[in-house]
Structure formats: structure tokens, C-alpha cells
Amino acid sequence: MKKAALIIAAILLIAGIIIGVVALASAKFDYHMFETVPSEMKDYPVEGEFHRIEIHGNTEIIQFAQSSDGTAHVLCRETKRNTHTVKAEDGTLKIISEEATGRHSFIDISFEKELITVYLPNDAYEMLSIETQTGDAEVPDWLTFGSAVIHGSTADVRFDAKADHTLSIETSTGDISLNGVSAEAIACTATTGDVRMTNAVCRGDVSVKVSTGETILNGLTAASFTSGGSTGDIVLEDVLIDGTLSVERSTGEVTFRNSDAAEIKVKTSTGDVTGTLLTDKIFEVHSSTGDIRVPDSVAGGKCEITTTTGDISLRIAPKA
């Protein structure tokens, strides 16, 4: 009986594939013919002045572009089931995704990715606030904000702009990428997503919290740095911290590449701590079962490293 059931299942699977190929061929492989909710582009003009931007998205890709005629407008690729409200009130441009609900929503099929493109006449605004679910957010380098806050679920966030004060980005399974940013304070939080930071400048504290995601920093200067995580590795390359650099991981590894801080604190369980620092340190290192290899030093800032089974292997880069 079990063998017969498997044979029947295989026959049905093959028949389904054949029917699908025939259907696609009859449509000349134009998959848009199978959409139940086709998308369309809609342009929303913005009336009134605004200094702040607030976006509540759903599945749309959120991006920004420079206005060619000096006026603000919002171009959306949307469906009949997911429209948008765009308005400027009390100095704030509000863009809200209005998703319709109903008993037929579970059979909706659309092959075009929904999109929100915000065309802006200026390059500086007081505040940016974005909340999205599965839609990605991309903020370009020609923009400057007083503060910026972005929350997403499975959304990827790429932020290349400047923030005069605070920059805060939080995702669940989405990745966070910061490139060439500058801010007074930077806070990034991800669960299973990765955090990548390149050529960033922060006048205050940088905080990165992850669970299983990796943290890769390549070029960062800041007053202080704090990172907590579980199994995610962290790589610090060309990272210079004026004050304290603190990292805590469980099974995640910590790697230094030509990085330094006035004071370094690292705590891991099974994760190794390895790499190269730039200046002499007074090492206080402890490991229960891991190997320890650090230079002898009687001068420099304090470097305190504690692991359980993780190895500790650090060296000081030779002076140029």
C-alpha cells in the first residue's frame, strides 16, 4: 500500500509539472497573465511643507530619489489590495501603506515587488522614521537627518546617509548595512540578521546587539563601542575607539584586525578571541580550558579578556 501511494504521488507530481509547463507555454511564458492582483504605478503629489518624514510600510521596497522639478511626490507600485495614503501635515510627510483585508486575500498573486519611491526636493530633514514588515529600506548618501529611526521585521536595511544626532536601526531576520555614515550615537539591533558597518564615524557610543547574526565592522571611529550577542561572530577591522570597547558573546568568535581602544573588555564562552591590536596593552586574560597566547606588557591600556573553552591569541602590530 505504501509503495502504491508513493507511485501515485509521483504520477500526480509529474502530471502537475506537465500541466504547469503547458499553461505557461499557452501564455507564451508571460507569468503576469496569472496575476490575480496586477500592480500599477501611482504618483502621489505632496502639498504643503514638511521637515520630517514618517513611513509606515508593509511589503514594499522603500527608497529615496532627488526630485528633478523641486517638488516632493511619492511614486508607488501598488495593487488594488494595497494602496497608500500620502499627506503632509504639521510639518511631517506621512506615507502609510493601506492593506485591504478580506476572505479572498489568501489567493492573491502578484509577481511585481511593491515599491515606495520618495522624491525629495531637499537633502536635509529633521527626522526620518520608517516602520516596515518584509519590505526593504534603502537610504542614500546624499541625505542628512537630525535623527533617524528604522524598524523592520524580515526587512533588509541599507543606510548610507548622515544623522546629526541619533541613528537607530532594528530588524528581526533582516540584515543591516551602514556605509559611510556619521552620527552622534549609533544603535543597531538584529536577531538572526547580520550587521555590517563600513567607514563609519560616531562622536558618541556605537551599540550593536545581535543573536545569531554576524557583525562585521570595517573602518569605524567612535568614542565608545558596545556589542552583545549569542552565536554570532564579530570582526573588527580598522576600528579605533577613544574610550572603552566592550564585546560579549556566547559561542561567537571575536576577531581584531588592526584595531584598538583605550580599554578593551571581551567575554565569551566557547568563542575564540584572536587578532591584532595597534598599541601595547596590560593584558588580564583568563580561560578555563582554552589556550592563551598574548604578549608580555607592562604599559598601555587595560585589555581584559575572559573565555571558558575559547582560545585567546592576540599580538601587537609592529610599529611602522
Foldseek 3Di string as FASTA:
>chain_A
DVVVVVVVVVVVVVVVVVVVVVVCVVVVVPCQVVFPWEKDKDKAFEDDAAQEEAEEEEQAAEEEAADPPLGKMKIKTGTPQWDWDWYADPRYTYIYIHGHDDPCVVVGDYDDHIYIYIHHNDQEGAEYEYEYENYEYEYDASHEYCEYEYEYEQYAYEHAYEHAAEYEYEYENYAYEYECYEHQEYEYEYENYAYEYEQYEYAEEYEYEYEAYEYEYAHYEYQEYEYEYEAYAYEAANYEHAAEYEYEYEQYAYEYEAYEYQEYEYEYEAYAYEYEYADDEDEDEEEQQAAEAEDDDDDGHHYYYYYYHYHYYYYYDDDD
